[in-house]
Amino acid sequence: MKNEYDDMMNKYLDGELNQTEINELNDMISRDTELLEKLKAYKLVDKHLKDIEPDTTPADFTIRFMERLNTVSEKLESNKFFYSIITFFFISIVGSLVFLFTYFSEPTDEYNKTEYVIEKLNNYSVDIIGKINEYFVNFDVSVALVSASLICMLGLYFLYEFVKGHKRKVEALHN
């Protein structure tokens, strides 16, 4: 019942009560001094709230805020590419280490596990380097691989620039 009185007092302060409701509120207040004190407190708060002048913002506040927000989001997006490359290399290194340590699982009785893994890694790397060396001894293969790598890097650069330009065009259409 108290919430009903609170709502009625708020409506009274807002000027939303008709004469019948105002009379009903006056009757309740005359019977209950606690409600009278509460209405006085509500009136005091209402008066002070109406006396407060609202803060004004500059006319271009929204425009400046959106420009700053776009600048921050562009910086974050430009860093995404860098972070994705770093993440890729980190995951590759960790994955390679996990593979190598699981591949060389059990040491023999003569060695401890660390020496066994180091020996296996040494043998494995010597085998890989030997195979790579066989391919790169031929000058034509080296030139072909370097050319293919350069073409791939240029292609990725142009693809990146195309996507970036396309994104700017889409953003311009939305603004």
N, C-alpha and C. Protein backbone atom coordinates (compact mmCIF):
# COMPACT_ATOMS: atom_id res chain seq x y z
N MET A 1 0.82 -1.19 0.00
CA MET A 1 0.00 0.00 0.00
C MET A 1 0.87 1.26 0.00
N LYS A 2 2.03 1.17 0.67
CA LYS A 2 2.92 2.33 0.74
C LYS A 2 3.41 2.71 -0.66
N ASN A 3 3.72 1.69 -1.52
CA ASN A 3 4.19 1.98 -2.87
C ASN A 3 3.12 2.72 -3.66
N GLU A 4 1.87 2.39 -3.42
CA GLU A 4 0.77 3.09 -4.09
C GLU A 4 0.77 4.56 -3.70
N TYR A 5 1.00 4.83 -2.41
CA TYR A 5 1.05 6.22 -1.93
C TYR A 5 2.26 6.94 -2.53
N ASP A 6 3.39 6.22 -2.60
CA ASP A 6 4.59 6.82 -3.19
C ASP A 6 4.32 7.22 -4.65
N ASP A 7 3.69 6.30 -5.39
CA ASP A 7 3.37 6.61 -6.78
C ASP A 7 2.43 7.80 -6.87
N MET A 8 1.45 7.83 -5.97
CA MET A 8 0.48 8.93 -5.99
C MET A 8 1.17 10.26 -5.66
N MET A 9 2.10 10.25 -4.70
CA MET A 9 2.81 11.48 -4.35
C MET A 9 3.70 11.94 -5.51
N ASN A 10 4.33 11.00 -6.20
CA ASN A 10 5.15 11.36 -7.36
C ASN A 10 4.28 11.96 -8.47
N LYS A 11 3.13 11.36 -8.70
CA LYS A 11 2.22 11.91 -9.72
C LYS A 11 1.72 13.30 -9.30
N TYR A 12 1.51 13.51 -8.00
CA TYR A 12 1.08 14.82 -7.50
C TYR A 12 2.16 15.87 -7.81
N LEU A 13 3.40 15.52 -7.52
CA LEU A 13 4.50 16.46 -7.77
C LEU A 13 4.66 16.74 -9.26
N ASP A 14 4.36 15.75 -10.10
CA ASP A 14 4.48 15.93 -11.55
C ASP A 14 3.25 16.59 -12.15
N GLY A 15 2.22 16.82 -11.34
CA GLY A 15 1.00 17.47 -11.83
C GLY A 15 0.13 16.54 -12.65
N GLU A 16 0.17 15.25 -12.36
CA GLU A 16 -0.58 14.27 -13.15
C GLU A 16 -1.86 13.78 -12.46
N LEU A 17 -2.20 14.30 -11.29
CA LEU A 17 -3.40 13.85 -10.57
C LEU A 17 -4.58 14.75 -10.91
N ASN A 18 -5.77 14.11 -10.98
CA ASN A 18 -6.99 14.91 -11.14
C ASN A 18 -7.47 15.34 -9.75
N GLN A 19 -8.53 16.11 -9.69
CA GLN A 19 -8.98 16.68 -8.42
C GLN A 19 -9.42 15.60 -7.44
N THR A 20 -10.05 14.54 -7.90
CA THR A 20 -10.49 13.45 -7.02
C THR A 20 -9.29 12.78 -6.36
N GLU A 21 -8.26 12.53 -7.14
CA GLU A 21 -7.06 11.88 -6.60
C GLU A 21 -6.33 12.81 -5.63
N ILE A 22 -6.35 14.10 -5.92
CA ILE A 22 -5.71 15.06 -5.01
C ILE A 22 -6.44 15.07 -3.67
N ASN A 23 -7.76 15.03 -3.70
CA ASN A 23 -8.56 14.98 -2.46
C ASN A 23 -8.26 13.70 -1.68
N GLU A 24 -8.14 12.59 -2.40
CA GLU A 24 -7.83 11.30 -1.75
C GLU A 24 -6.45 11.36 -1.09
N LEU A 25 -5.49 11.95 -1.78
CA LEU A 25 -4.14 12.08 -1.22
C LEU A 25 -4.17 12.98 0.03
N ASN A 26 -4.93 14.08 -0.01
CA ASN A 26 -5.04 14.97 1.15
C ASN A 26 -5.65 14.24 2.34
N ASP A 27 -6.65 13.40 2.09
CA ASP A 27 -7.26 12.62 3.17
C ASP A 27 -6.24 11.66 3.79
N MET A 28 -5.45 10.99 2.95
CA MET A 28 -4.45 10.05 3.46
C MET A 28 -3.38 10.78 4.28
N ILE A 29 -2.98 11.94 3.81
CA ILE A 29 -1.95 12.71 4.51
C ILE A 29 -2.47 13.21 5.85
N SER A 30 -3.73 13.60 5.89
CA SER A 30 -4.29 14.11 7.16
C SER A 30 -4.39 12.99 8.20
N ARG A 31 -4.50 11.75 7.80
CA ARG A 31 -4.58 10.62 8.73
C ARG A 31 -3.20 10.07 9.10
N ASP A 32 -2.21 10.25 8.23
CA ASP A 32 -0.90 9.62 8.45
C ASP A 32 0.19 10.69 8.37
N THR A 33 0.78 11.03 9.53
CA THR A 33 1.81 12.08 9.56
C THR A 33 3.10 11.62 8.86
N GLU A 34 3.32 10.32 8.85
CA GLU A 34 4.50 9.80 8.16
C GLU A 34 4.42 10.11 6.66
N LEU A 35 3.23 9.97 6.07
CA LEU A 35 3.06 10.30 4.67
C LEU A 35 3.26 11.80 4.43
N LEU A 36 2.83 12.62 5.38
CA LEU A 36 3.02 14.06 5.26
C LEU A 36 4.52 14.40 5.23
N GLU A 37 5.28 13.78 6.12
CA GLU A 37 6.73 14.01 6.15
C GLU A 37 7.38 13.53 4.85
N LYS A 38 6.89 12.41 4.36
CA LYS A 38 7.44 11.87 3.13
C LYS A 38 7.14 12.81 1.96
N LEU A 39 5.91 13.35 1.90
CA LEU A 39 5.55 14.28 0.83
C LEU A 39 6.40 15.55 0.92
N LYS A 40 6.66 16.03 2.13
CA LYS A 40 7.52 17.21 2.29
C LYS A 40 8.93 16.93 1.77
N ALA A 41 9.44 15.73 2.08
CA ALA A 41 10.78 15.36 1.60
C ALA A 41 10.79 15.27 0.07
N TYR A 42 9.73 14.68 -0.50
CA TYR A 42 9.63 14.59 -1.95
C TYR A 42 9.58 15.97 -2.59
N LYS A 43 8.83 16.89 -1.97
CA LYS A 43 8.73 18.25 -2.50
C LYS A 43 10.09 18.95 -2.46
N LEU A 44 10.81 18.75 -1.35
CA LEU A 44 12.13 19.38 -1.22
C LEU A 44 13.09 18.85 -2.29
N VAL A 45 13.10 17.52 -2.47
CA VAL A 45 13.97 16.92 -3.48
C VAL A 45 13.57 17.40 -4.87
N ASP A 46 12.26 17.44 -5.15
CA ASP A 46 11.76 17.88 -6.44
C ASP A 46 12.17 19.32 -6.71
N LYS A 47 12.07 20.18 -5.71
CA LYS A 47 12.44 21.58 -5.87
C LYS A 47 13.92 21.72 -6.19
N HIS A 48 14.75 20.97 -5.45
CA HIS A 48 16.19 21.05 -5.69
C HIS A 48 16.58 20.48 -7.06
N LEU A 49 15.91 19.43 -7.46
CA LEU A 49 16.21 18.85 -8.77
C LEU A 49 15.81 19.80 -9.90
N LYS A 50 14.71 20.51 -9.72
CA LYS A 50 14.28 21.46 -10.75
C LYS A 50 15.19 22.68 -10.79
N ASP A 51 15.84 23.00 -9.67
CA ASP A 51 16.75 24.15 -9.63
C ASP A 51 18.09 23.86 -10.31
N ILE A 52 18.43 22.60 -10.48
CA ILE A 52 19.71 22.23 -11.10
C ILE A 52 19.64 22.53 -12.59
N GLU A 53 20.64 23.25 -13.07
CA GLU A 53 20.68 23.55 -14.49
C GLU A 53 21.38 22.39 -15.21
N PRO A 54 20.81 21.99 -16.34
CA PRO A 54 21.43 20.87 -17.06
C PRO A 54 22.75 21.28 -17.69
N ASP A 55 23.65 20.32 -17.76
CA ASP A 55 24.93 20.56 -18.42
C ASP A 55 24.69 20.61 -19.92
N THR A 56 25.42 21.47 -20.56
CA THR A 56 25.32 21.55 -22.01
C THR A 56 26.62 21.02 -22.61
N THR A 57 26.48 20.40 -23.73
CA THR A 57 27.66 19.89 -24.44
C THR A 57 27.86 20.75 -25.68
N PRO A 58 29.07 20.81 -26.16
CA PRO A 58 29.31 21.57 -27.39
C PRO A 58 28.49 21.00 -28.55
N ALA A 59 28.20 21.83 -29.51
CA ALA A 59 27.36 21.41 -30.64
C ALA A 59 28.01 20.29 -31.44
N ASP A 60 29.32 20.29 -31.54
CA ASP A 60 30.01 19.28 -32.34
C ASP A 60 30.54 18.11 -31.50
N PHE A 61 30.00 17.94 -30.32
CA PHE A 61 30.49 16.89 -29.42
C PHE A 61 30.36 15.50 -30.06
N THR A 62 29.21 15.20 -30.64
CA THR A 62 28.99 13.89 -31.23
C THR A 62 29.95 13.64 -32.39
N ILE A 63 30.15 14.64 -33.21
CA ILE A 63 31.05 14.48 -34.36
C ILE A 63 32.48 14.23 -33.89
N ARG A 64 32.94 15.00 -32.92
CA ARG A 64 34.30 14.81 -32.41
C ARG A 64 34.45 13.45 -31.74
N PHE A 65 33.44 13.03 -30.99
CA PHE A 65 33.49 11.73 -30.33
C PHE A 65 33.57 10.61 -31.35
N MET A 66 32.76 10.68 -32.39
CA MET A 66 32.76 9.63 -33.42
C MET A 66 34.10 9.61 -34.17
N GLU A 67 34.68 10.77 -34.42
CA GLU A 67 35.99 10.81 -35.08
C GLU A 67 37.05 10.13 -34.22
N ARG A 68 37.03 10.40 -32.92
CA ARG A 68 38.00 9.75 -32.03
C ARG A 68 37.77 8.25 -31.97
N LEU A 69 36.51 7.87 -31.94
CA LEU A 69 36.18 6.45 -31.90
C LEU A 69 36.65 5.75 -33.17
N ASN A 70 36.46 6.38 -34.32
CA ASN A 70 36.93 5.80 -35.58
C ASN A 70 38.45 5.71 -35.62
N THR A 71 39.13 6.72 -35.10
CA THR A 71 40.59 6.70 -35.06
C THR A 71 41.10 5.54 -34.22
N VAL A 72 40.48 5.35 -33.06
CA VAL A 72 40.89 4.25 -32.18
C VAL A 72 40.61 2.91 -32.84
N SER A 73 39.45 2.76 -33.47
CA SER A 73 39.12 1.48 -34.09
C SER A 73 40.04 1.20 -35.28
N GLU A 74 40.44 2.25 -36.03
CA GLU A 74 41.38 2.04 -37.14
C GLU A 74 42.74 1.59 -36.62
N LYS A 75 43.18 2.17 -35.51
CA LYS A 75 44.46 1.76 -34.93
C LYS A 75 44.39 0.30 -34.49
N LEU A 76 43.28 -0.08 -33.88
CA LEU A 76 43.14 -1.47 -33.43
C LEU A 76 43.12 -2.42 -34.61
N GLU A 77 42.43 -2.04 -35.69
CA GLU A 77 42.36 -2.91 -36.85
C GLU A 77 43.69 -3.01 -37.56
N SER A 78 44.47 -1.93 -37.58
CA SER A 78 45.77 -2.01 -38.22
C SER A 78 46.72 -2.90 -37.42
N ASN A 79 46.51 -2.98 -36.12
CA ASN A 79 47.34 -3.85 -35.29
C ASN A 79 46.91 -5.31 -35.38
N LYS A 80 45.69 -5.58 -35.83
CA LYS A 80 45.22 -6.96 -35.91
C LYS A 80 46.09 -7.79 -36.83
N PHE A 81 46.49 -7.22 -37.96
CA PHE A 81 47.32 -7.96 -38.90
C PHE A 81 48.65 -8.33 -38.26
N PHE A 82 49.27 -7.39 -37.59
CA PHE A 82 50.53 -7.65 -36.92
C PHE A 82 50.36 -8.73 -35.85
N TYR A 83 49.32 -8.60 -35.02
CA TYR A 83 49.09 -9.58 -33.97
C TYR A 83 48.77 -10.95 -34.53
N SER A 84 48.08 -11.00 -35.66
CA SER A 84 47.77 -12.31 -36.24
C SER A 84 49.04 -12.98 -36.76
N ILE A 85 49.95 -12.21 -37.34
CA ILE A 85 51.23 -12.78 -37.80
C ILE A 85 52.04 -13.30 -36.62
N ILE A 86 52.14 -12.51 -35.56
CA ILE A 86 52.87 -12.92 -34.36
C ILE A 86 52.23 -14.17 -33.76
N THR A 87 50.91 -14.19 -33.69
CA THR A 87 50.21 -15.36 -33.14
C THR A 87 50.47 -16.60 -33.99
N PHE A 88 50.44 -16.44 -35.30
CA PHE A 88 50.70 -17.58 -36.19
C PHE A 88 52.09 -18.16 -35.93
N PHE A 89 53.10 -17.30 -35.86
CA PHE A 89 54.45 -17.80 -35.63
C PHE A 89 54.59 -18.43 -34.24
N PHE A 90 53.97 -17.84 -33.25
CA PHE A 90 54.03 -18.40 -31.91
C PHE A 90 53.38 -19.78 -31.86
N ILE A 91 52.20 -19.91 -32.46
CA ILE A 91 51.51 -21.21 -32.47
C ILE A 91 52.32 -22.22 -33.27
N SER A 92 52.94 -21.79 -34.37
CA SER A 92 53.77 -22.70 -35.17
C SER A 92 54.96 -23.21 -34.37
N ILE A 93 55.61 -22.32 -33.66
CA ILE A 93 56.78 -22.73 -32.86
C ILE A 93 56.36 -23.68 -31.75
N VAL A 94 55.30 -23.32 -31.03
CA VAL A 94 54.83 -24.19 -29.94
C VAL A 94 54.38 -25.53 -30.48
N GLY A 95 53.64 -25.50 -31.59
CA GLY A 95 53.20 -26.76 -32.19
C GLY A 95 54.36 -27.63 -32.63
N SER A 96 55.39 -27.01 -33.22
CA SER A 96 56.58 -27.77 -33.64
C SER A 96 57.29 -28.38 -32.44
N LEU A 97 57.42 -27.62 -31.37
CA LEU A 97 58.09 -28.15 -30.18
C LEU A 97 57.29 -29.30 -29.58
N VAL A 98 55.98 -29.16 -29.52
CA VAL A 98 55.15 -30.25 -28.98
C VAL A 98 55.29 -31.48 -29.86
N PHE A 99 55.24 -31.29 -31.18
CA PHE A 99 55.41 -32.43 -32.08
C PHE A 99 56.76 -33.11 -31.88
N LEU A 100 57.80 -32.32 -31.82
CA LEU A 100 59.13 -32.91 -31.69
C LEU A 100 59.29 -33.66 -30.37
N PHE A 101 58.77 -33.12 -29.28
CA PHE A 101 58.92 -33.80 -28.00
C PHE A 101 58.03 -35.04 -27.91
N THR A 102 56.91 -35.04 -28.61
CA THR A 102 56.09 -36.26 -28.59
C THR A 102 56.61 -37.28 -29.60
N TYR A 103 57.24 -36.82 -30.68
CA TYR A 103 57.78 -37.73 -31.69
C TYR A 103 58.93 -38.55 -31.13
N PHE A 104 59.74 -37.91 -30.33
CA PHE A 104 60.87 -38.59 -29.72
C PHE A 104 60.49 -38.97 -28.30
N SER A 105 59.69 -39.96 -28.15
CA SER A 105 59.06 -40.20 -26.85
C SER A 105 59.95 -40.93 -25.84
N GLU A 106 60.44 -42.09 -26.16
CA GLU A 106 61.11 -42.91 -25.14
C GLU A 106 62.63 -42.96 -25.35
N PRO A 107 63.38 -42.61 -24.34
CA PRO A 107 64.84 -42.72 -24.45
C PRO A 107 65.27 -44.18 -24.23
N THR A 108 66.48 -44.47 -24.69
CA THR A 108 67.05 -45.79 -24.42
C THR A 108 67.62 -45.79 -23.02
N ASP A 109 68.08 -46.94 -22.58
CA ASP A 109 68.61 -47.04 -21.22
C ASP A 109 69.94 -46.29 -21.06
N GLU A 110 70.67 -46.08 -22.16
CA GLU A 110 71.99 -45.47 -22.08
C GLU A 110 71.94 -43.96 -21.82
N TYR A 111 70.87 -43.29 -22.25
CA TYR A 111 70.79 -41.83 -22.17
C TYR A 111 69.64 -41.42 -21.27
N ASN A 112 69.76 -40.20 -20.79
CA ASN A 112 68.57 -39.66 -20.14
C ASN A 112 67.70 -39.02 -21.24
N LYS A 113 66.51 -38.60 -20.90
CA LYS A 113 65.55 -38.13 -21.91
C LYS A 113 66.05 -36.89 -22.65
N THR A 114 66.67 -35.96 -21.97
CA THR A 114 67.14 -34.73 -22.61
C THR A 114 68.20 -35.03 -23.66
N GLU A 115 69.17 -35.87 -23.31
CA GLU A 115 70.23 -36.22 -24.27
C GLU A 115 69.65 -36.95 -25.46
N TYR A 116 68.66 -37.80 -25.22
CA TYR A 116 68.02 -38.56 -26.29
C TYR A 116 67.30 -37.62 -27.26
N VAL A 117 66.55 -36.67 -26.72
CA VAL A 117 65.82 -35.72 -27.57
C VAL A 117 66.80 -34.85 -28.35
N ILE A 118 67.86 -34.39 -27.70
CA ILE A 118 68.85 -33.55 -28.39
C ILE A 118 69.51 -34.33 -29.52
N GLU A 119 69.85 -35.56 -29.27
CA GLU A 119 70.48 -36.38 -30.32
C GLU A 119 69.52 -36.59 -31.49
N LYS A 120 68.26 -36.90 -31.19
CA LYS A 120 67.27 -37.12 -32.25
C LYS A 120 67.04 -35.82 -33.05
N LEU A 121 66.95 -34.69 -32.32
CA LEU A 121 66.76 -33.41 -33.01
C LEU A 121 67.96 -33.10 -33.91
N ASN A 122 69.14 -33.39 -33.42
CA ASN A 122 70.35 -33.15 -34.20
C ASN A 122 70.32 -34.01 -35.47
N ASN A 123 70.01 -35.28 -35.33
CA ASN A 123 69.95 -36.18 -36.49
C ASN A 123 68.85 -35.73 -37.46
N TYR A 124 67.71 -35.36 -36.92
CA TYR A 124 66.58 -34.94 -37.74
C TYR A 124 66.92 -33.65 -38.49
N SER A 125 67.52 -32.68 -37.79
CA SER A 125 67.85 -31.41 -38.44
C SER A 125 68.94 -31.61 -39.50
N VAL A 126 69.91 -32.50 -39.24
CA VAL A 126 70.95 -32.77 -40.23
C VAL A 126 70.32 -33.38 -41.47
N ASP A 127 69.36 -34.29 -41.29
CA ASP A 127 68.68 -34.90 -42.44
C ASP A 127 67.91 -33.85 -43.24
N ILE A 128 67.18 -32.99 -42.54
CA ILE A 128 66.39 -31.97 -43.23
C ILE A 128 67.29 -30.98 -43.95
N ILE A 129 68.36 -30.55 -43.28
CA ILE A 129 69.27 -29.58 -43.90
C ILE A 129 69.94 -30.22 -45.12
N GLY A 130 70.27 -31.49 -45.02
CA GLY A 130 70.86 -32.18 -46.17
C GLY A 130 69.91 -32.21 -47.35
N LYS A 131 68.64 -32.52 -47.10
CA LYS A 131 67.65 -32.56 -48.19
C LYS A 131 67.43 -31.18 -48.78
N ILE A 132 67.34 -30.16 -47.92
CA ILE A 132 67.15 -28.79 -48.42
C ILE A 132 68.37 -28.37 -49.23
N ASN A 133 69.53 -28.73 -48.76
CA ASN A 133 70.76 -28.38 -49.47
C ASN A 133 70.79 -29.03 -50.85
N GLU A 134 70.30 -30.26 -50.97
CA GLU A 134 70.26 -30.92 -52.27
C GLU A 134 69.39 -30.14 -53.26
N TYR A 135 68.27 -29.61 -52.78
CA TYR A 135 67.38 -28.85 -53.66
C TYR A 135 67.98 -27.51 -54.06
N PHE A 136 68.65 -26.85 -53.11
CA PHE A 136 69.16 -25.51 -53.39
C PHE A 136 70.52 -25.51 -54.08
N VAL A 137 71.13 -26.66 -54.23
CA VAL A 137 72.39 -26.73 -54.96
C VAL A 137 72.14 -26.36 -56.42
N ASN A 138 70.99 -26.77 -56.92
CA ASN A 138 70.63 -26.44 -58.28
C ASN A 138 70.18 -24.97 -58.32
N PHE A 139 70.89 -24.15 -59.13
CA PHE A 139 70.62 -22.72 -59.20
C PHE A 139 69.22 -22.43 -59.74
N ASP A 140 68.75 -23.22 -60.70
CA ASP A 140 67.43 -22.99 -61.29
C ASP A 140 66.32 -23.15 -60.25
N VAL A 141 66.46 -24.14 -59.39
CA VAL A 141 65.46 -24.36 -58.35
C VAL A 141 65.46 -23.18 -57.37
N SER A 142 66.63 -22.69 -57.03
CA SER A 142 66.73 -21.56 -56.11
C SER A 142 66.06 -20.33 -56.71
N VAL A 143 66.34 -20.04 -57.96
CA VAL A 143 65.74 -18.88 -58.61
C VAL A 143 64.22 -19.04 -58.68
N ALA A 144 63.76 -20.23 -58.99
CA ALA A 144 62.31 -20.48 -59.09
C ALA A 144 61.64 -20.29 -57.72
N LEU A 145 62.25 -20.78 -56.67
CA LEU A 145 61.66 -20.63 -55.34
C LEU A 145 61.66 -19.17 -54.87
N VAL A 146 62.74 -18.46 -55.13
CA VAL A 146 62.80 -17.05 -54.75
C VAL A 146 61.76 -16.26 -55.54
N SER A 147 61.62 -16.55 -56.82
CA SER A 147 60.64 -15.86 -57.66
C SER A 147 59.22 -16.15 -57.18
N ALA A 148 58.94 -17.41 -56.86
CA ALA A 148 57.61 -17.77 -56.37
C ALA A 148 57.32 -17.09 -55.04
N SER A 149 58.32 -17.01 -54.18
CA SER A 149 58.13 -16.34 -52.90
C SER A 149 57.84 -14.85 -53.10
N LEU A 150 58.58 -14.23 -53.99
CA LEU A 150 58.37 -12.81 -54.28
C LEU A 150 56.98 -12.57 -54.86
N ILE A 151 56.56 -13.43 -55.78
CA ILE A 151 55.23 -13.29 -56.37
C ILE A 151 54.15 -13.46 -55.31
N CYS A 152 54.31 -14.42 -54.42
CA CYS A 152 53.34 -14.62 -53.34
C CYS A 152 53.27 -13.41 -52.41
N MET A 153 54.42 -12.87 -52.05
CA MET A 153 54.44 -11.70 -51.16
C MET A 153 53.79 -10.49 -51.84
N LEU A 154 54.10 -10.27 -53.12
CA LEU A 154 53.48 -9.16 -53.84
C LEU A 154 51.96 -9.36 -53.95
N GLY A 155 51.56 -10.59 -54.23
CA GLY A 155 50.13 -10.89 -54.32
C GLY A 155 49.42 -10.62 -53.01
N LEU A 156 50.03 -11.03 -51.91
CA LEU A 156 49.43 -10.79 -50.60
C LEU A 156 49.37 -9.30 -50.29
N TYR A 157 50.39 -8.55 -50.68
CA TYR A 157 50.38 -7.11 -50.45
C TYR A 157 49.25 -6.44 -51.23
N PHE A 158 49.11 -6.78 -52.51
CA PHE A 158 48.05 -6.17 -53.31
C PHE A 158 46.67 -6.60 -52.83
N LEU A 159 46.54 -7.82 -52.38
CA LEU A 159 45.27 -8.27 -51.82
C LEU A 159 44.94 -7.48 -50.56
N TYR A 160 45.92 -7.27 -49.71
CA TYR A 160 45.72 -6.49 -48.48
C TYR A 160 45.31 -5.06 -48.82
N GLU A 161 45.98 -4.43 -49.76
CA GLU A 161 45.65 -3.06 -50.15
C GLU A 161 44.25 -2.99 -50.77
N PHE A 162 43.88 -4.00 -51.57
CA PHE A 162 42.54 -4.02 -52.17
C PHE A 162 41.47 -4.10 -51.09
N VAL A 163 41.66 -4.98 -50.13
CA VAL A 163 40.68 -5.13 -49.05
C VAL A 163 40.59 -3.84 -48.24
N LYS A 164 41.72 -3.22 -47.96
CA LYS A 164 41.73 -1.98 -47.20
C LYS A 164 40.99 -0.88 -47.96
N GLY A 165 41.22 -0.75 -49.26
CA GLY A 165 40.53 0.25 -50.07
C GLY A 165 39.05 -0.03 -50.18
N HIS A 166 38.71 -1.29 -50.34
CA HIS A 166 37.29 -1.67 -50.41
C HIS A 166 36.58 -1.35 -49.10
N LYS A 167 37.25 -1.58 -48.01
CA LYS A 167 36.67 -1.29 -46.69
C LYS A 167 36.42 0.21 -46.54
N ARG A 168 37.37 1.03 -46.99
CA ARG A 168 37.17 2.49 -46.94
C ARG A 168 35.97 2.91 -47.76
N LYS A 169 35.79 2.31 -48.93
CA LYS A 169 34.64 2.66 -49.78
C LYS A 169 33.34 2.28 -49.11
N VAL A 170 33.30 1.12 -48.48
CA VAL A 170 32.09 0.70 -47.77
C VAL A 170 31.79 1.62 -46.61
N GLU A 171 32.81 2.00 -45.85
CA GLU A 171 32.62 2.92 -44.75
C GLU A 171 32.15 4.29 -45.22
N ALA A 172 32.66 4.73 -46.37
CA ALA A 172 32.24 6.03 -46.93
C ALA A 172 30.76 5.97 -47.32
N LEU A 173 30.31 4.84 -47.81
CA LEU A 173 28.90 4.70 -48.18
C LEU A 173 27.99 4.75 -46.96
N HIS A 174 28.46 4.20 -45.85
CA HIS A 174 27.66 4.19 -44.62
C HIS A 174 27.65 5.54 -43.92
N ASN A 175 28.65 6.36 -44.18
CA ASN A 175 28.71 7.68 -43.52
C ASN A 175 27.99 8.64 -44.36
